[in-house]
Amino acid sequence: MSGEGAGAPSAASAEAGPARAPGTAAPAGPAGSPVAVDTRTALRSRPFRLLTVGWAFTNFADSVLAIILAVWVKDLTGSNGAAGLVFAALGLPALVAPVLGQIADRVSRRRMLVVSYLVGAVTLLLLLAVRGPDQVWLVFAVTVVYSGVGFATAAAQSGLIRDMLPDDALAPANGRLTTIDQVFRLLMPVVGAGAYALAGPVPLVVAASGAFAVAALVVGRIALAETPPTAAADREPLLAEATAGFRHLVRTPPLGALTVALVVAFAAVGLLNAVSFAIIEDGLGLPPELLGPISSVQAVTAIVAGLTAARLVARWGSQRLVAVALVVLGVGVVPTLGSHLVAVMVGLGAVGLGVTWAIVGFVTERQLRTPAALQGRVSAATNMLLNVPQLGLTVLGAALVGAVDYRAMLVVTVVVILAAAVLALRGRVSTEPDRAG
C-alpha cells in the first residue's frame, strides 16, 4: 500500500533539488568546465533517450515480476507465510548494497548496467525449471538475484545520469523516470494478473527476461564520456571506501537531515504496509482481494507527482519539497483510520503524491551534492538506509497486527512521519553542488 522507497529501484528511481535557481549560471561538466546546455535539449539527447527506453523495459519487467513471484509461491505451496517470504527475499540484497555501490564507483557504470541487465535476463530463465513445490527454493533464489540486480543498477544509474545531464535537467529527468515507473505500476497489475490467470507464469517470465535483454542492448548503445573512477593509488582502505557513502550522507548538508527524515518516515510507512489488509477487511469491511484496486490510486497520484516534481523543486528547492511531501504523506495516512472508502482512497492518493515528491526531491539533491566518484556508494547507502528499516518495521507490524489494534499503529505512523517532516528542514544548505571526483 505504500509507494517506493528509492529508488526503488527501483528504486531507482528519482532524484532532485537544484543548488541554485535555474538559469543563474552555466552548469559545470564532470571536469569543471562550463556546459551551456538547455534543459530540454539535454532531455532530448540521444544518451538520455536511450537510457529512458532501457528504463521503460526494465520497469515493465519489474512490474511483471512484482505481480507473479509471491502469487506463484502461494500457488505452489498453498502457504501465505511462504508467499510473504518472497518480500523478505526482495529486501535481502539491501544488506550488500554498499558493496554494489563500491563496484559502481570502480567500473564503467554503463557497462555495469549492461552486465546487470544480462544477469537478470539469464537468471530469470531459471524459473522455467520450476514444476512444483519441490522447486520453490529456486523461486526464492532467483528472487534474491533479481532484487540484487535492481540494487546494482540503481547504484550505477545514479552516476551515469549525473555525467549525462546538466544540473538543471536532473529534477525533470528524475521526474520523467519516476512517471514511467508509476505508469507500469498502474497498468501491469491488471494486464499481468489476467495473463497469469490465463496462461500461468511461463509467458510472463519469458517476457520479463526478454525485457531485461532489450534493456541491455539499448543501454549498451549509449555513447558517453564517463567520469573515471578514483585512481588505485588514491583510494582509501577497503572499509573506509565501503562506508564512504554513509559518511558523505551524514556530513553533507542538507543530505544528513534529509536522510534521517526519510529513514524515519519510510520506516513508519513499513507499519502502513503491515496493516494494509486490516484497513481493507476490518476498517472498510471489504474482501482482501480489493487491496490492489484500491491501492492503485497511489500509482495515479504518483504519476502526477512525477510530472510536477521538477517545477516544485524549482519553486521551493529540494529540502522544502521533501518536508512538504512528508506532511502530505502523513496527512494522507489519517483517513485510513476510518471506515469511509472514498476518504481512504483520497488519503492513499495523498500517500502516492507524498512518497514520490519526497523521493524525487531527495535523490536529485543527493546527485547534486555528491562528487562523481562517490555516486554509486552514496546511492547504494541510500537504498540500504531506506529499505532495511522499512522491511524491519513491516515484519514487526505484521507480527503485532493480531495483538495490537491496527489503528494504534496507524496513529504512530502519522506522528512519526510528521516528526520526520520537521527533521527534513534542519541543517544548513551549502551554496554549490559538488561535481568534483
Protein backbone atom coordinates (compact mmCIF):
# COMPACT_ATOMS: atom_id res chain seq x y z
CA MET A 1 0.00 0.00 0.00
CA SER A 2 2.99 2.27 0.15
CA GLY A 3 4.92 3.92 -2.60
CA GLU A 4 8.53 3.17 -3.46
CA GLY A 5 11.34 3.78 -1.10
CA ALA A 6 14.25 4.91 -3.54
CA GLY A 7 14.89 4.09 -5.97
CA ALA A 8 13.38 1.66 -5.63
CA PRO A 9 14.73 0.59 -7.76
CA SER A 10 13.51 0.77 -8.49
CA ALA A 11 14.07 2.01 -6.78
CA ALA A 12 15.76 3.88 -8.65
CA SER A 13 14.26 5.89 -9.18
CA ALA A 14 14.22 9.62 -9.00
CA GLU A 15 16.45 12.30 -7.57
CA ALA A 16 16.05 16.08 -7.23
CA GLY A 17 16.93 19.55 -5.93
CA PRO A 18 18.87 22.30 -7.70
CA ALA A 19 21.59 24.01 -5.73
CA ARG A 20 20.78 27.31 -7.40
CA ALA A 21 17.90 28.85 -9.25
CA PRO A 22 17.71 27.51 -12.80
CA GLY A 23 19.48 29.70 -15.29
CA THR A 24 21.64 31.67 -12.86
CA ALA A 25 24.83 30.02 -14.05
CA ALA A 26 26.02 27.59 -16.64
CA PRO A 27 26.26 24.10 -15.15
CA ALA A 28 29.67 22.57 -14.83
CA GLY A 29 30.65 19.35 -16.54
CA PRO A 30 32.47 16.49 -14.86
CA ALA A 31 35.83 18.18 -15.43
CA GLY A 32 34.57 21.55 -14.12
CA SER A 33 34.22 23.31 -17.48
CA PRO A 34 31.00 25.26 -18.22
CA VAL A 35 28.44 23.41 -20.29
CA ALA A 36 25.77 25.64 -21.75
CA VAL A 37 23.13 23.02 -22.36
CA ASP A 38 19.44 23.82 -22.43
CA THR A 39 17.42 21.55 -20.16
CA ARG A 40 15.04 20.47 -22.90
CA THR A 41 17.90 19.81 -25.27
CA ALA A 42 19.61 17.67 -22.63
CA LEU A 43 16.46 15.61 -22.07
CA ARG A 44 16.17 15.06 -25.83
CA SER A 45 19.80 13.99 -26.17
CA ARG A 46 20.48 10.53 -27.57
CA PRO A 47 22.14 9.16 -24.38
CA PHE A 48 19.23 10.14 -22.15
CA ARG A 49 16.66 8.92 -24.68
CA LEU A 50 18.38 5.54 -24.81
CA LEU A 51 18.57 5.40 -21.03
CA THR A 52 14.86 6.22 -20.83
CA VAL A 53 13.98 3.41 -23.27
CA GLY A 54 16.09 0.97 -21.25
CA TRP A 55 14.42 2.17 -18.07
CA ALA A 56 10.98 1.56 -19.59
CA PHE A 57 11.84 -2.04 -20.48
CA THR A 58 13.26 -2.78 -17.01
CA ASN A 59 10.22 -1.26 -15.35
CA PHE A 60 8.00 -3.44 -17.49
CA ALA A 61 9.95 -6.46 -16.25
CA ASP A 62 9.81 -5.24 -12.63
CA SER A 63 6.05 -4.71 -12.80
CA VAL A 64 5.51 -8.19 -14.23
CA LEU A 65 7.70 -9.87 -11.61
CA ALA A 66 6.18 -7.95 -8.73
CA ILE A 67 2.83 -9.47 -9.69
CA ILE A 68 3.74 -13.10 -10.13
CA LEU A 69 6.51 -14.08 -7.70
CA ALA A 70 4.53 -14.07 -4.45
CA VAL A 71 1.37 -15.38 -6.15
CA TRP A 72 3.35 -18.18 -7.76
CA VAL A 73 4.85 -19.27 -4.44
CA LYS A 74 1.37 -19.20 -2.89
CA ASP A 75 0.04 -21.39 -5.70
CA LEU A 76 2.97 -23.81 -5.40
CA THR A 77 2.87 -24.21 -1.62
CA GLY A 78 -0.59 -23.08 -0.51
CA SER A 79 1.15 -21.12 2.24
CA ASN A 80 0.63 -17.40 2.94
CA GLY A 81 3.80 -17.47 5.03
CA ALA A 82 5.88 -18.79 2.14
CA ALA A 83 4.40 -16.15 -0.16
CA GLY A 84 5.33 -13.49 2.40
CA LEU A 85 8.93 -14.69 2.37
CA VAL A 86 9.16 -13.51 -1.25
CA PHE A 87 9.03 -9.92 0.02
CA ALA A 88 11.79 -10.69 2.51
CA ALA A 89 13.84 -12.13 -0.37
CA LEU A 90 13.28 -8.93 -2.33
CA GLY A 91 14.69 -6.87 0.56
CA LEU A 92 17.64 -9.12 1.37
CA PRO A 93 20.11 -7.68 -1.21
CA ALA A 94 19.83 -4.29 0.51
CA LEU A 95 22.31 -5.68 3.02
CA VAL A 96 25.02 -5.87 0.33
CA ALA A 97 24.09 -2.61 -1.38
CA PRO A 98 27.28 -0.84 -0.15
CA VAL A 99 29.40 -3.46 -1.91
CA LEU A 100 27.44 -2.95 -5.13
CA GLY A 101 27.88 0.79 -4.78
CA GLN A 102 31.62 0.38 -4.36
CA ILE A 103 31.74 -1.68 -7.56
CA ALA A 104 29.75 1.01 -9.40
CA ASP A 105 32.37 3.60 -8.44
CA ARG A 106 35.24 1.45 -9.70
CA VAL A 107 33.97 0.45 -13.15
CA SER A 108 32.17 1.92 -16.14
CA ARG A 109 28.62 2.48 -14.95
CA ARG A 110 27.22 1.95 -18.44
CA ARG A 111 28.90 -1.46 -18.64
CA MET A 112 27.73 -2.30 -15.14
CA LEU A 113 24.14 -1.59 -16.21
CA VAL A 114 24.51 -3.78 -19.30
CA VAL A 115 26.05 -6.68 -17.36
CA SER A 116 23.43 -6.39 -14.58
CA TYR A 117 20.57 -6.48 -17.07
CA LEU A 118 22.06 -9.52 -18.80
CA VAL A 119 22.47 -11.29 -15.45
CA GLY A 120 18.83 -10.54 -14.74
CA ALA A 121 17.72 -11.86 -18.14
CA VAL A 122 19.63 -15.14 -17.78
CA THR A 123 18.73 -15.69 -14.13
CA LEU A 124 15.01 -15.30 -14.76
CA LEU A 125 15.10 -18.11 -17.30
CA LEU A 126 15.98 -20.48 -14.46
CA LEU A 127 12.38 -20.09 -13.31
CA LEU A 128 11.33 -22.15 -16.33
CA ALA A 129 12.69 -25.19 -14.45
CA VAL A 130 10.11 -24.77 -11.67
CA ARG A 131 7.49 -27.51 -11.93
CA GLY A 132 6.13 -27.90 -8.41
CA PRO A 133 6.63 -27.19 -4.70
CA ASP A 134 9.94 -29.10 -4.68
CA GLN A 135 11.48 -26.31 -6.77
CA VAL A 136 10.09 -23.40 -4.76
CA TRP A 137 13.60 -22.80 -3.41
CA LEU A 138 14.58 -21.84 -6.95
CA VAL A 139 11.94 -19.11 -6.99
CA PHE A 140 13.43 -17.67 -3.79
CA ALA A 141 16.99 -17.87 -5.14
CA VAL A 142 16.06 -16.14 -8.39
CA THR A 143 14.13 -13.50 -6.44
CA VAL A 144 17.24 -12.64 -4.42
CA VAL A 145 19.42 -12.35 -7.53
CA TYR A 146 16.77 -10.36 -9.41
CA SER A 147 16.46 -7.93 -6.50
CA GLY A 148 20.25 -7.65 -6.33
CA VAL A 149 20.22 -6.64 -10.00
CA GLY A 150 17.88 -3.80 -9.04
CA PHE A 151 20.22 -2.52 -6.33
CA ALA A 152 23.22 -2.79 -8.69
CA THR A 153 21.52 -0.86 -11.48
CA ALA A 154 20.32 1.84 -9.08
CA ALA A 155 23.91 2.44 -7.93
CA ALA A 156 25.23 2.55 -11.50
CA GLN A 157 22.44 4.67 -12.95
CA SER A 158 22.79 7.48 -10.41
CA GLY A 159 26.33 8.30 -11.53
CA LEU A 160 25.51 7.79 -15.21
CA ILE A 161 22.69 10.34 -15.07
CA ARG A 162 24.98 12.77 -13.22
CA ASP A 163 27.54 12.55 -16.04
CA MET A 164 24.87 12.69 -18.72
CA LEU A 165 22.88 15.78 -17.74
CA PRO A 166 23.47 19.36 -16.56
CA ASP A 167 22.34 20.30 -13.05
CA ASP A 168 19.08 21.95 -14.08
CA ALA A 169 17.97 18.87 -16.03
CA LEU A 170 18.28 16.43 -13.10
CA ALA A 171 14.92 17.12 -11.48
CA PRO A 172 12.93 16.91 -14.76
CA ALA A 173 14.84 13.75 -15.70
CA ASN A 174 14.15 12.07 -12.37
CA GLY A 175 10.52 13.12 -12.55
CA ARG A 176 10.22 11.61 -16.02
CA LEU A 177 11.79 8.30 -14.96
CA THR A 178 9.52 8.13 -11.91
CA THR A 179 6.48 8.78 -14.08
CA ILE A 180 7.40 5.88 -16.38
CA ASP A 181 7.85 3.66 -13.33
CA GLN A 182 4.41 4.52 -11.98
CA VAL A 183 2.65 4.12 -15.33
CA PHE A 184 3.79 0.50 -15.43
CA ARG A 185 2.79 0.01 -11.79
CA LEU A 186 -0.67 1.25 -12.65
CA LEU A 187 -1.21 -0.79 -15.82
CA MET A 188 0.62 -4.07 -15.27
CA PRO A 189 -1.30 -5.41 -12.23
CA VAL A 190 -4.39 -5.70 -14.40
CA VAL A 191 -2.66 -6.98 -17.55
CA GLY A 192 -0.24 -9.27 -15.70
CA ALA A 193 -2.85 -10.76 -13.39
CA GLY A 194 -5.03 -11.59 -16.39
CA ALA A 195 -2.12 -13.16 -18.27
CA TYR A 196 -1.13 -15.21 -15.21
CA ALA A 197 -4.69 -16.47 -14.76
CA LEU A 198 -4.96 -17.46 -18.44
CA ALA A 199 -1.51 -18.86 -19.19
CA GLY A 200 0.38 -19.22 -15.93
CA PRO A 201 3.79 -17.77 -15.07
CA VAL A 202 5.89 -19.01 -18.02
CA PRO A 203 4.89 -16.33 -20.61
CA LEU A 204 5.41 -13.59 -18.02
CA VAL A 205 8.83 -14.92 -17.04
CA VAL A 206 9.89 -15.06 -20.69
CA ALA A 207 8.56 -11.53 -21.28
CA ALA A 208 10.43 -10.16 -18.25
CA SER A 209 13.66 -11.89 -19.28
CA GLY A 210 13.31 -10.53 -22.80
CA ALA A 211 12.71 -7.02 -21.44
CA PHE A 212 15.97 -7.15 -19.47
CA ALA A 213 17.81 -8.36 -22.57
CA VAL A 214 16.41 -5.49 -24.66
CA ALA A 215 17.36 -3.01 -21.93
CA ALA A 216 20.94 -4.33 -22.01
CA LEU A 217 21.06 -3.91 -25.79
CA VAL A 218 19.68 -0.35 -25.66
CA VAL A 219 21.87 0.87 -22.81
CA GLY A 220 24.89 -0.71 -24.48
CA ARG A 221 24.45 1.75 -27.35
CA ILE A 222 24.86 4.81 -25.12
CA ALA A 223 27.94 6.83 -26.04
CA LEU A 224 29.09 8.90 -23.09
CA ALA A 225 32.32 10.24 -21.60
CA GLU A 226 32.04 8.92 -18.05
CA THR A 227 33.87 10.34 -15.07
CA PRO A 228 36.80 7.98 -14.49
CA PRO A 229 36.95 6.11 -11.17
CA THR A 230 39.39 7.16 -8.48
CA ALA A 231 42.92 6.03 -9.32
CA ALA A 232 44.05 2.97 -7.37
CA ALA A 233 46.84 4.96 -5.69
CA ASP A 234 44.33 7.49 -4.33
CA ARG A 235 41.81 5.03 -2.93
CA GLU A 236 41.09 4.67 0.75
CA PRO A 237 41.34 1.37 2.68
CA LEU A 238 38.59 -1.12 1.81
CA LEU A 239 36.40 -0.48 4.87
CA ALA A 240 36.70 3.28 4.51
CA GLU A 241 35.73 3.03 0.85
CA ALA A 242 32.74 0.82 1.60
CA THR A 243 31.41 3.25 4.22
CA ALA A 244 32.21 6.45 2.30
CA GLY A 245 28.65 6.75 1.01
CA PHE A 246 27.19 6.71 4.52
CA ARG A 247 29.75 9.24 5.75
CA HIS A 248 29.02 11.55 2.85
CA LEU A 249 25.28 11.48 3.55
CA VAL A 250 25.81 12.28 7.23
CA ARG A 251 28.36 15.05 6.72
CA THR A 252 26.87 16.89 3.73
CA PRO A 253 24.12 19.42 4.40
CA PRO A 254 21.24 19.17 3.79
CA LEU A 255 21.65 15.46 2.94
CA GLY A 256 22.19 14.48 6.57
CA ALA A 257 18.90 15.96 7.72
CA LEU A 258 17.02 14.70 4.68
CA THR A 259 18.42 11.19 5.05
CA VAL A 260 17.42 10.95 8.71
CA ALA A 261 13.96 12.31 7.88
CA LEU A 262 13.37 9.80 5.09
CA VAL A 263 14.74 6.86 7.07
CA VAL A 264 12.31 7.68 9.88
CA ALA A 265 9.34 8.35 7.58
CA PHE A 266 9.82 5.35 5.30
CA ALA A 267 10.32 3.06 8.28
CA ALA A 268 6.95 4.28 9.55
CA VAL A 269 5.46 3.51 6.13
CA GLY A 270 6.50 -0.08 6.86
CA LEU A 271 3.80 -0.14 9.54
CA LEU A 272 1.27 1.08 6.96
CA ASN A 273 2.30 -1.80 4.70
CA ALA A 274 1.89 -4.27 7.54
CA VAL A 275 -1.70 -3.27 8.31
CA SER A 276 -2.87 -2.89 4.70
CA PHE A 277 -5.17 -5.92 4.81
CA ALA A 278 -6.54 -4.88 8.20
CA ILE A 279 -7.52 -1.49 6.72
CA ILE A 280 -9.39 -3.22 3.91
CA GLU A 281 -11.01 -6.02 5.89
CA ASP A 282 -11.55 -4.56 9.37
CA GLY A 283 -11.79 -0.87 8.56
CA LEU A 284 -13.73 -0.92 5.31
CA GLY A 285 -15.38 -4.34 5.64
CA LEU A 286 -14.26 -5.36 2.14
CA PRO A 287 -12.63 -8.57 0.86
CA PRO A 288 -8.81 -8.57 0.85
CA GLU A 289 -8.55 -9.01 -2.92
CA LEU A 290 -9.73 -5.39 -3.30
CA LEU A 291 -6.44 -4.14 -1.81
CA GLY A 292 -4.86 -3.94 -5.28
CA PRO A 293 -7.62 -1.94 -6.99
CA ILE A 294 -7.98 0.41 -4.01
CA SER A 295 -4.22 0.96 -3.74
CA SER A 296 -3.91 1.67 -7.46
CA VAL A 297 -4.94 5.25 -6.76
CA GLN A 298 -1.40 5.69 -5.42
CA ALA A 299 0.05 4.98 -8.84
CA VAL A 300 -2.24 7.60 -10.42
CA THR A 301 -1.18 10.33 -8.00
CA ALA A 302 2.45 9.21 -8.18
CA ILE A 303 2.32 9.87 -11.94
CA VAL A 304 1.02 13.37 -11.20
CA ALA A 305 3.82 13.83 -8.66
CA GLY A 306 6.46 12.73 -11.15
CA LEU A 307 5.18 15.21 -13.73
CA THR A 308 5.09 18.14 -11.29
CA ALA A 309 8.17 17.48 -9.13
CA ALA A 310 10.64 19.45 -11.26
CA ARG A 311 8.50 22.61 -11.10
CA LEU A 312 8.14 22.30 -7.35
CA VAL A 313 11.89 21.82 -6.93
CA ALA A 314 12.49 24.97 -8.99
CA ARG A 315 9.96 26.91 -6.93
CA TRP A 316 10.68 25.66 -3.39
CA GLY A 317 14.00 23.86 -3.52
CA SER A 318 14.52 20.21 -2.71
CA GLN A 319 14.65 20.49 1.06
CA ARG A 320 11.31 22.25 1.30
CA LEU A 321 9.74 19.89 -1.22
CA VAL A 322 10.79 16.87 0.85
CA ALA A 323 9.35 18.46 4.01
CA VAL A 324 6.06 19.32 2.29
CA ALA A 325 5.94 15.85 0.75
CA LEU A 326 6.26 14.21 4.17
CA VAL A 327 3.45 16.38 5.53
CA VAL A 328 1.26 15.29 2.61
CA LEU A 329 2.25 11.68 3.26
CA GLY A 330 1.45 11.88 6.98
CA VAL A 331 -1.89 13.60 6.41
CA GLY A 332 -2.71 11.01 3.75
CA VAL A 333 -2.45 8.20 6.29
CA VAL A 334 -5.07 9.80 8.58
CA PRO A 335 -8.19 8.72 6.60
CA THR A 336 -7.09 5.07 6.83
CA LEU A 337 -8.10 5.25 10.50
CA GLY A 338 -11.73 5.49 9.44
CA SER A 339 -14.22 3.35 7.54
CA HIS A 340 -15.15 5.59 4.61
CA LEU A 341 -13.96 4.15 1.29
CA VAL A 342 -13.76 7.47 -0.60
CA ALA A 343 -11.82 9.11 2.23
CA VAL A 344 -9.38 6.18 2.38
CA MET A 345 -8.81 6.37 -1.37
CA VAL A 346 -8.22 10.14 -1.20
CA GLY A 347 -5.77 9.53 1.63
CA LEU A 348 -3.92 6.85 -0.33
CA GLY A 349 -3.75 9.27 -3.24
CA ALA A 350 -2.00 11.72 -0.94
CA VAL A 351 0.39 8.94 0.11
CA GLY A 352 1.30 8.40 -3.55
CA LEU A 353 1.95 12.12 -4.01
CA GLY A 354 3.99 12.44 -0.83
CA VAL A 355 6.23 9.42 -1.34
CA THR A 356 7.04 10.32 -4.95
CA TRP A 357 7.72 14.01 -4.28
CA ALA A 358 9.96 13.05 -1.37
CA ILE A 359 11.97 10.59 -3.47
CA VAL A 360 12.39 12.94 -6.44
CA GLY A 361 13.37 15.80 -4.15
CA PHE A 362 15.89 13.81 -2.15
CA VAL A 363 17.54 11.88 -4.98
CA THR A 364 18.18 14.94 -7.12
CA GLU A 365 19.62 16.78 -4.16
CA ARG A 366 21.79 13.76 -3.46
CA GLN A 367 23.04 13.69 -7.05
CA LEU A 368 23.89 17.39 -6.94
CA ARG A 369 25.72 17.24 -3.61
CA THR A 370 27.77 14.12 -4.37
CA PRO A 371 31.11 14.01 -6.21
CA ALA A 372 31.08 11.90 -9.35
CA ALA A 373 33.46 9.32 -7.88
CA LEU A 374 31.09 8.73 -4.94
CA GLN A 375 27.76 8.50 -6.78
CA GLY A 376 27.49 4.71 -6.67
CA ARG A 377 28.33 4.33 -2.99
CA VAL A 378 26.04 7.17 -1.91
CA SER A 379 23.16 5.78 -3.98
CA ALA A 380 23.72 2.32 -2.50
CA ALA A 381 23.92 3.71 1.04
CA THR A 382 20.61 5.48 0.45
CA ASN A 383 18.95 2.29 -0.76
CA MET A 384 20.16 0.35 2.24
CA LEU A 385 19.13 3.02 4.74
CA LEU A 386 15.65 3.41 3.29
CA ASN A 387 14.86 -0.24 2.59
CA VAL A 388 16.19 -2.14 5.60
CA PRO A 389 14.34 -0.16 8.34
CA GLN A 390 11.13 -0.25 6.31
CA LEU A 391 11.43 -4.01 5.88
CA GLY A 392 12.07 -4.41 9.60
CA LEU A 393 9.03 -2.33 10.57
CA THR A 394 6.87 -4.21 8.08
CA VAL A 395 7.86 -7.52 9.68
CA LEU A 396 7.35 -6.11 13.19
CA GLY A 397 3.98 -4.64 12.25
CA ALA A 398 2.87 -7.95 10.73
CA ALA A 399 3.80 -9.68 13.99
CA LEU A 400 1.87 -7.13 16.07
CA VAL A 401 -1.23 -6.71 13.94
CA GLY A 402 -3.02 -9.62 15.57
CA ALA A 403 -2.30 -8.38 19.11
CA VAL A 404 -2.47 -4.59 18.67
CA ASP A 405 -5.31 -2.57 17.16
CA TYR A 406 -4.15 -1.61 13.67
CA ARG A 407 -5.42 1.94 14.22
CA ALA A 408 -2.98 2.41 17.07
CA MET A 409 -0.14 1.54 14.70
CA LEU A 410 -1.51 3.99 12.15
CA VAL A 411 -1.55 6.78 14.76
CA VAL A 412 2.12 6.03 15.46
CA THR A 413 2.77 6.11 11.72
CA VAL A 414 1.21 9.56 11.32
CA VAL A 415 3.04 11.07 14.31
CA VAL A 416 6.41 9.69 13.21
CA ILE A 417 6.02 10.87 9.60
CA LEU A 418 5.04 14.40 10.67
CA ALA A 419 8.03 14.49 13.03
CA ALA A 420 10.19 13.46 10.09
CA ALA A 421 8.83 16.41 8.09
CA VAL A 422 10.18 18.74 10.78
CA LEU A 423 13.54 16.95 10.72
CA ALA A 424 13.76 17.47 6.95
CA LEU A 425 14.05 21.23 7.41
CA ARG A 426 17.03 21.01 9.74
CA GLY A 427 20.61 21.51 8.55
CA ARG A 428 22.37 24.20 6.56
CA VAL A 429 22.32 24.18 2.78
CA SER A 430 25.62 24.65 1.02
CA THR A 431 25.66 27.08 -1.90
CA GLU A 432 27.10 24.93 -4.68
CA PRO A 433 26.65 21.36 -5.90
CA ASP A 434 29.69 19.10 -5.79
CA ARG A 435 30.81 17.62 -9.10
CA ALA A 436 34.39 17.01 -8.14
CA GLY A 437 35.72 13.48 -8.42
